[in-house]
Amino acid sequence: MRPQLFLIPGLGAVRDLFYPQRDEFGDQLSVIEEAGGEGLWQHKPSMSSAADVFASRLASEIPPDGSYVLGGMSFGGSLAV
């Protein structure tokens, strides 16, 4: 079985950024976004608090068995590393 692929967009970017990857990977791909849509960005968070929001979201979605690949673009790439 192939591992699940999780991608994180950059700050202010949306999941549409990963449409080409969705076409290729289909249900194997999950895009991690801030829970609740744009609410986080309306409050102009620090990088640290934004990272906390995404880390919580990742922790709730990533399988505990370690069978996943994590990647991202810009801010999302920094989080993935």
N, C-alpha and C. Protein backbone atom coordinates (compact mmCIF):
# COMPACT_ATOMS: atom_id res chain seq x y z
N MET A 1 0.84 -1.19 0.00
CA MET A 1 0.00 0.00 0.00
C MET A 1 0.89 1.25 0.00
N ARG A 2 0.53 2.21 -0.80
CA ARG A 2 1.29 3.45 -0.88
C ARG A 2 0.97 4.35 0.32
N PRO A 3 1.95 5.09 0.81
CA PRO A 3 1.71 5.96 1.95
C PRO A 3 0.83 7.15 1.58
N GLN A 4 0.13 7.68 2.56
CA GLN A 4 -0.67 8.89 2.37
C GLN A 4 0.28 10.08 2.19
N LEU A 5 -0.07 11.00 1.32
CA LEU A 5 0.72 12.20 1.06
C LEU A 5 -0.01 13.40 1.66
N PHE A 6 0.67 14.12 2.56
CA PHE A 6 0.12 15.31 3.19
C PHE A 6 0.91 16.51 2.70
N LEU A 7 0.21 17.52 2.17
CA LEU A 7 0.86 18.74 1.70
C LEU A 7 0.28 19.94 2.45
N ILE A 8 1.15 20.90 2.77
CA ILE A 8 0.77 22.10 3.50
C ILE A 8 1.05 23.31 2.61
N PRO A 9 0.02 24.14 2.35
CA PRO A 9 0.26 25.33 1.53
C PRO A 9 1.01 26.40 2.31
N GLY A 10 1.47 27.41 1.62
CA GLY A 10 2.13 28.54 2.26
C GLY A 10 1.12 29.44 2.95
N LEU A 11 1.61 30.40 3.72
CA LEU A 11 0.73 31.35 4.39
C LEU A 11 -0.07 32.12 3.34
N GLY A 12 -1.34 32.20 3.54
CA GLY A 12 -2.21 32.92 2.62
C GLY A 12 -2.54 32.15 1.35
N ALA A 13 -1.95 30.99 1.16
CA ALA A 13 -2.26 30.17 -0.02
C ALA A 13 -3.42 29.23 0.32
N VAL A 14 -4.03 28.70 -0.70
CA VAL A 14 -5.16 27.80 -0.50
C VAL A 14 -4.87 26.45 -1.15
N ARG A 15 -5.73 25.50 -0.84
CA ARG A 15 -5.55 24.14 -1.34
C ARG A 15 -5.52 24.06 -2.86
N ASP A 16 -6.10 25.04 -3.55
CA ASP A 16 -6.10 25.03 -5.02
C ASP A 16 -4.69 24.94 -5.59
N LEU A 17 -3.72 25.41 -4.83
CA LEU A 17 -2.32 25.37 -5.23
C LEU A 17 -1.89 23.95 -5.60
N PHE A 18 -2.51 22.96 -4.95
CA PHE A 18 -2.11 21.57 -5.13
C PHE A 18 -3.03 20.77 -6.07
N TYR A 19 -3.80 21.46 -6.91
CA TYR A 19 -4.65 20.74 -7.86
C TYR A 19 -3.86 19.79 -8.77
N PRO A 20 -2.70 20.20 -9.29
CA PRO A 20 -1.96 19.24 -10.13
C PRO A 20 -1.58 17.97 -9.37
N GLN A 21 -1.22 18.10 -8.11
CA GLN A 21 -0.88 16.93 -7.32
C GLN A 21 -2.13 16.09 -7.03
N ARG A 22 -3.25 16.75 -6.81
CA ARG A 22 -4.50 16.01 -6.56
C ARG A 22 -4.86 15.19 -7.80
N ASP A 23 -4.66 15.76 -8.98
CA ASP A 23 -4.94 15.01 -10.21
C ASP A 23 -4.08 13.74 -10.28
N GLU A 24 -2.84 13.84 -9.85
CA GLU A 24 -1.91 12.71 -9.92
C GLU A 24 -2.14 11.68 -8.80
N PHE A 25 -2.37 12.16 -7.57
CA PHE A 25 -2.40 11.27 -6.41
C PHE A 25 -3.81 10.94 -5.91
N GLY A 26 -4.82 11.70 -6.34
CA GLY A 26 -6.21 11.40 -5.98
C GLY A 26 -6.42 11.34 -4.47
N ASP A 27 -7.08 10.26 -4.02
CA ASP A 27 -7.42 10.10 -2.60
C ASP A 27 -6.20 9.88 -1.72
N GLN A 28 -5.07 9.61 -2.31
CA GLN A 28 -3.84 9.41 -1.55
C GLN A 28 -3.32 10.74 -0.98
N LEU A 29 -3.81 11.87 -1.53
CA LEU A 29 -3.34 13.20 -1.14
C LEU A 29 -4.32 13.87 -0.18
N SER A 30 -3.78 14.43 0.90
CA SER A 30 -4.54 15.27 1.81
C SER A 30 -3.83 16.61 1.91
N VAL A 31 -4.59 17.70 1.83
CA VAL A 31 -4.02 19.03 1.98
C VAL A 31 -4.38 19.51 3.38
N ILE A 32 -3.35 19.87 4.15
CA ILE A 32 -3.54 20.35 5.51
C ILE A 32 -3.78 21.85 5.46
N GLU A 33 -4.93 22.24 5.93
CA GLU A 33 -5.26 23.66 5.99
C GLU A 33 -5.62 24.01 7.42
N GLU A 34 -5.67 25.28 7.68
CA GLU A 34 -6.09 25.75 8.99
C GLU A 34 -7.54 25.35 9.19
N ALA A 35 -7.82 24.74 10.32
CA ALA A 35 -9.20 24.38 10.63
C ALA A 35 -10.03 25.66 10.74
N GLY A 36 -11.16 25.70 10.08
CA GLY A 36 -12.02 26.86 10.16
C GLY A 36 -11.79 27.89 9.08
N GLY A 37 -11.03 27.55 8.05
CA GLY A 37 -10.88 28.46 6.92
C GLY A 37 -9.92 29.60 7.17
N GLU A 38 -10.34 30.80 6.85
CA GLU A 38 -9.47 31.96 6.88
C GLU A 38 -9.39 32.64 8.25
N GLY A 39 -10.04 32.11 9.27
CA GLY A 39 -10.09 32.77 10.57
C GLY A 39 -8.73 33.11 11.16
N LEU A 40 -7.77 32.24 11.02
CA LEU A 40 -6.44 32.46 11.56
C LEU A 40 -5.81 33.72 10.99
N TRP A 41 -5.94 33.91 9.68
CA TRP A 41 -5.25 35.01 9.01
C TRP A 41 -5.88 36.37 9.29
N GLN A 42 -7.15 36.39 9.72
CA GLN A 42 -7.80 37.65 10.05
C GLN A 42 -7.20 38.27 11.30
N HIS A 43 -6.54 37.45 12.12
CA HIS A 43 -5.96 37.93 13.38
C HIS A 43 -4.46 38.23 13.26
N LYS A 44 -3.90 38.10 12.06
CA LYS A 44 -2.49 38.38 11.81
C LYS A 44 -1.59 37.68 12.85
N PRO A 45 -1.56 36.36 12.81
CA PRO A 45 -0.80 35.62 13.81
C PRO A 45 0.71 35.71 13.59
N SER A 46 1.45 35.42 14.64
CA SER A 46 2.89 35.28 14.50
C SER A 46 3.16 33.96 13.77
N MET A 47 4.36 33.81 13.26
CA MET A 47 4.74 32.55 12.61
C MET A 47 4.61 31.40 13.60
N SER A 48 4.98 31.65 14.83
CA SER A 48 4.93 30.60 15.85
C SER A 48 3.49 30.16 16.12
N SER A 49 2.57 31.11 16.26
CA SER A 49 1.18 30.71 16.54
C SER A 49 0.54 30.05 15.32
N ALA A 50 0.90 30.50 14.11
CA ALA A 50 0.41 29.85 12.90
C ALA A 50 0.94 28.42 12.83
N ALA A 51 2.20 28.23 13.17
CA ALA A 51 2.79 26.89 13.16
C ALA A 51 2.07 25.99 14.17
N ASP A 52 1.72 26.53 15.33
CA ASP A 52 0.98 25.75 16.34
C ASP A 52 -0.36 25.26 15.79
N VAL A 53 -1.06 26.13 15.07
CA VAL A 53 -2.36 25.75 14.50
C VAL A 53 -2.18 24.61 13.51
N PHE A 54 -1.21 24.74 12.62
CA PHE A 54 -0.99 23.69 11.62
C PHE A 54 -0.46 22.41 12.26
N ALA A 55 0.39 22.52 13.27
CA ALA A 55 0.92 21.33 13.94
C ALA A 55 -0.21 20.55 14.61
N SER A 56 -1.14 21.26 15.22
CA SER A 56 -2.29 20.59 15.84
C SER A 56 -3.11 19.86 14.79
N ARG A 57 -3.30 20.51 13.66
CA ARG A 57 -4.07 19.90 12.57
C ARG A 57 -3.35 18.66 12.05
N LEU A 58 -2.03 18.76 11.88
CA LEU A 58 -1.24 17.62 11.42
C LEU A 58 -1.35 16.45 12.41
N ALA A 59 -1.22 16.76 13.68
CA ALA A 59 -1.26 15.71 14.70
C ALA A 59 -2.59 14.96 14.68
N SER A 60 -3.66 15.65 14.32
CA SER A 60 -4.97 15.00 14.32
C SER A 60 -5.23 14.20 13.04
N GLU A 61 -4.46 14.43 11.99
CA GLU A 61 -4.74 13.78 10.71
C GLU A 61 -3.71 12.74 10.28
N ILE A 62 -2.48 12.85 10.75
CA ILE A 62 -1.43 11.94 10.30
C ILE A 62 -1.56 10.60 11.02
N PRO A 63 -1.48 9.51 10.27
CA PRO A 63 -1.62 8.19 10.89
C PRO A 63 -0.45 7.88 11.84
N PRO A 64 -0.76 7.28 12.98
CA PRO A 64 0.29 7.01 13.97
C PRO A 64 1.30 5.96 13.55
N ASP A 65 1.01 5.18 12.51
CA ASP A 65 1.94 4.13 12.10
C ASP A 65 3.09 4.65 11.25
N GLY A 66 3.10 5.95 10.93
CA GLY A 66 4.21 6.53 10.19
C GLY A 66 4.19 6.29 8.70
N SER A 67 3.06 5.83 8.16
CA SER A 67 2.99 5.54 6.73
C SER A 67 2.48 6.76 5.95
N TYR A 68 3.29 7.80 5.92
CA TYR A 68 2.91 9.01 5.22
C TYR A 68 4.14 9.74 4.71
N VAL A 69 3.90 10.66 3.77
CA VAL A 69 4.92 11.57 3.26
C VAL A 69 4.40 12.96 3.51
N LEU A 70 5.23 13.84 4.03
CA LEU A 70 4.83 15.19 4.37
C LEU A 70 5.62 16.18 3.53
N GLY A 71 4.94 17.14 2.92
CA GLY A 71 5.59 18.15 2.10
C GLY A 71 4.81 19.45 2.13
N GLY A 72 5.33 20.46 1.51
CA GLY A 72 4.63 21.73 1.47
C GLY A 72 5.35 22.74 0.62
N MET A 73 4.76 23.94 0.57
CA MET A 73 5.34 25.02 -0.21
C MET A 73 5.49 26.23 0.70
N SER A 74 6.63 26.87 0.64
CA SER A 74 6.92 28.09 1.41
C SER A 74 6.77 27.79 2.90
N PHE A 75 5.88 28.46 3.60
CA PHE A 75 5.67 28.22 5.03
C PHE A 75 5.35 26.74 5.28
N GLY A 76 4.53 26.16 4.41
CA GLY A 76 4.18 24.74 4.55
C GLY A 76 5.39 23.84 4.39
N GLY A 77 6.32 24.22 3.53
CA GLY A 77 7.55 23.45 3.37
C GLY A 77 8.42 23.52 4.61
N SER A 78 8.47 24.68 5.24
CA SER A 78 9.23 24.84 6.50
C SER A 78 8.63 23.96 7.58
N LEU A 79 7.30 23.92 7.66
CA LEU A 79 6.65 23.06 8.65
C LEU A 79 6.93 21.59 8.36
N ALA A 80 6.91 21.22 7.10
CA ALA A 80 7.15 19.83 6.74
C ALA A 80 8.55 19.36 7.15
N VAL A 81 9.52 20.27 7.01
CA VAL A 81 10.89 19.92 7.40
C VAL A 81 10.94 19.77 8.91
